[in-house]
Amino acid sequence: MQKFTFWDLREDVKTKFRIEIDPYLFASDLMVVEEFDFLPKMIKPLEIQELQDFFKQLSKKLGKESIE
């Protein structure tokens, strides 16, 4: 799940769509993952707790980096 960093994706979005993504706002959007009750059938097995932990950790990291 960590093939690309947020910063890589942010630059690609900026290049393709000519829009800026604010890391702090994106971090808060990631917290919506806590509301997930189930996942659809996945090609590669993934547990909902694993997904939630990943996005919560990413959210905290981006939140800290955006205010530094």
C-alpha atoms as a PDB file:
ATOM      1  CA  MET A   1       0.000   0.000   0.000  1.00  0.00           C
ATOM      2  CA  GLN A   2       2.942   2.334   0.353  1.00  0.00           C
ATOM      3  CA  LYS A   3       4.210   2.301  -3.225  1.00  0.00           C
ATOM      4  CA  PHE A   4       3.859   6.075  -3.602  1.00  0.00           C
ATOM      5  CA  THR A   5       4.172   8.793  -0.994  1.00  0.00           C
ATOM      6  CA  PHE A   6       1.562  11.476  -0.526  1.00  0.00           C
ATOM      7  CA  TRP A   7       4.077  13.981  -1.868  1.00  0.00           C
ATOM      8  CA  ASP A   8       4.525  11.968  -5.089  1.00  0.00           C
ATOM      9  CA  LEU A   9       0.780  11.784  -5.630  1.00  0.00           C
ATOM     10  CA  ARG A  10       0.347  15.466  -4.769  1.00  0.00           C
ATOM     11  CA  GLU A  11       2.820  16.469  -7.487  1.00  0.00           C
ATOM     12  CA  ASP A  12       1.148  14.177 -10.029  1.00  0.00           C
ATOM     13  CA  VAL A  13      -2.284  15.661  -9.249  1.00  0.00           C
ATOM     14  CA  LYS A  14      -0.824  19.158  -9.546  1.00  0.00           C
ATOM     15  CA  THR A  15       0.688  18.309 -12.938  1.00  0.00           C
ATOM     16  CA  LYS A  16      -2.345  16.529 -14.362  1.00  0.00           C
ATOM     17  CA  PHE A  17      -5.223  18.597 -12.950  1.00  0.00           C
ATOM     18  CA  ARG A  18      -3.474  21.871 -12.067  1.00  0.00           C
ATOM     19  CA  ILE A  19      -4.861  21.853  -8.533  1.00  0.00           C
ATOM     20  CA  GLU A  20      -3.161  21.914  -5.148  1.00  0.00           C
ATOM     21  CA  ILE A  21      -3.969  19.413  -2.412  1.00  0.00           C
ATOM     22  CA  ASP A  22      -3.568  20.753   1.107  1.00  0.00           C
ATOM     23  CA  PRO A  23      -1.900  18.070   3.273  1.00  0.00           C
ATOM     24  CA  TYR A  24      -3.775  19.106   6.433  1.00  0.00           C
ATOM     25  CA  LEU A  25      -7.214  18.934   4.791  1.00  0.00           C
ATOM     26  CA  PHE A  26      -6.323  15.667   3.081  1.00  0.00           C
ATOM     27  CA  ALA A  27      -5.253  14.232   6.444  1.00  0.00           C
ATOM     28  CA  SER A  28      -8.629  15.092   7.952  1.00  0.00           C
ATOM     29  CA  ASP A  29     -10.396  13.512   4.952  1.00  0.00           C
ATOM     30  CA  LEU A  30      -8.485  10.272   5.558  1.00  0.00           C
ATOM     31  CA  MET A  31     -10.098   9.904   8.981  1.00  0.00           C
ATOM     32  CA  VAL A  32     -13.397   8.997   7.269  1.00  0.00           C
ATOM     33  CA  VAL A  33     -11.967   5.467   7.105  1.00  0.00           C
ATOM     34  CA  GLU A  34     -13.072   5.027  10.739  1.00  0.00           C
ATOM     35  CA  GLU A  35     -16.683   4.982   9.517  1.00  0.00           C
ATOM     36  CA  PHE A  36     -16.139   1.995   7.210  1.00  0.00           C
ATOM     37  CA  ASP A  37     -18.104  -1.082   8.297  1.00  0.00           C
ATOM     38  CA  PHE A  38     -17.042  -3.466   5.544  1.00  0.00           C
ATOM     39  CA  LEU A  39     -14.930  -3.699   2.418  1.00  0.00           C
ATOM     40  CA  PRO A  40     -15.989  -4.990  -0.980  1.00  0.00           C
ATOM     41  CA  LYS A  41     -14.503  -8.229  -2.235  1.00  0.00           C
ATOM     42  CA  MET A  42     -10.848  -7.489  -2.849  1.00  0.00           C
ATOM     43  CA  ILE A  43      -8.505  -8.999  -5.436  1.00  0.00           C
ATOM     44  CA  LYS A  44      -5.682  -8.853  -2.910  1.00  0.00           C
ATOM     45  CA  PRO A  45      -6.834  -9.839   0.598  1.00  0.00           C
ATOM     46  CA  LEU A  46      -7.108  -6.888   2.979  1.00  0.00           C
ATOM     47  CA  GLU A  47      -8.675  -6.664   6.415  1.00  0.00           C
ATOM     48  CA  ILE A  48     -10.671  -3.573   7.309  1.00  0.00           C
ATOM     49  CA  GLN A  49      -8.588  -3.036  10.455  1.00  0.00           C
ATOM     50  CA  GLU A  50      -5.395  -3.047   8.378  1.00  0.00           C
ATOM     51  CA  LEU A  51      -6.880  -0.435   6.037  1.00  0.00           C
ATOM     52  CA  GLN A  52      -8.075   1.735   8.928  1.00  0.00           C
ATOM     53  CA  ASP A  53      -4.713   1.547  10.694  1.00  0.00           C
ATOM     54  CA  PHE A  54      -2.867   2.489   7.508  1.00  0.00           C
ATOM     55  CA  PHE A  55      -4.998   5.564   6.822  1.00  0.00           C
ATOM     56  CA  LYS A  56      -5.029   6.701  10.459  1.00  0.00           C
ATOM     57  CA  GLN A  57      -1.233   6.491  10.566  1.00  0.00           C
ATOM     58  CA  LEU A  58      -0.947   8.365   7.252  1.00  0.00           C
ATOM     59  CA  SER A  59      -3.381  11.008   8.488  1.00  0.00           C
ATOM     60  CA  LYS A  60      -1.359  11.644  11.638  1.00  0.00           C
ATOM     61  CA  LYS A  61       1.885  11.834   9.668  1.00  0.00           C
ATOM     62  CA  LEU A  62       0.472  14.299   7.126  1.00  0.00           C
ATOM     63  CA  GLY A  63      -1.129  16.395   9.850  1.00  0.00           C
ATOM     64  CA  LYS A  64       2.195  16.767  11.638  1.00  0.00           C
ATOM     65  CA  GLU A  65       4.125  17.493   8.437  1.00  0.00           C
ATOM     66  CA  SER A  66       1.645  20.135   7.287  1.00  0.00           C
ATOM     67  CA  ILE A  67       2.051  22.256  10.422  1.00  0.00           C
ATOM     68  CA  GLU A  68       5.837  22.022  10.654  1.00  0.00           C
END
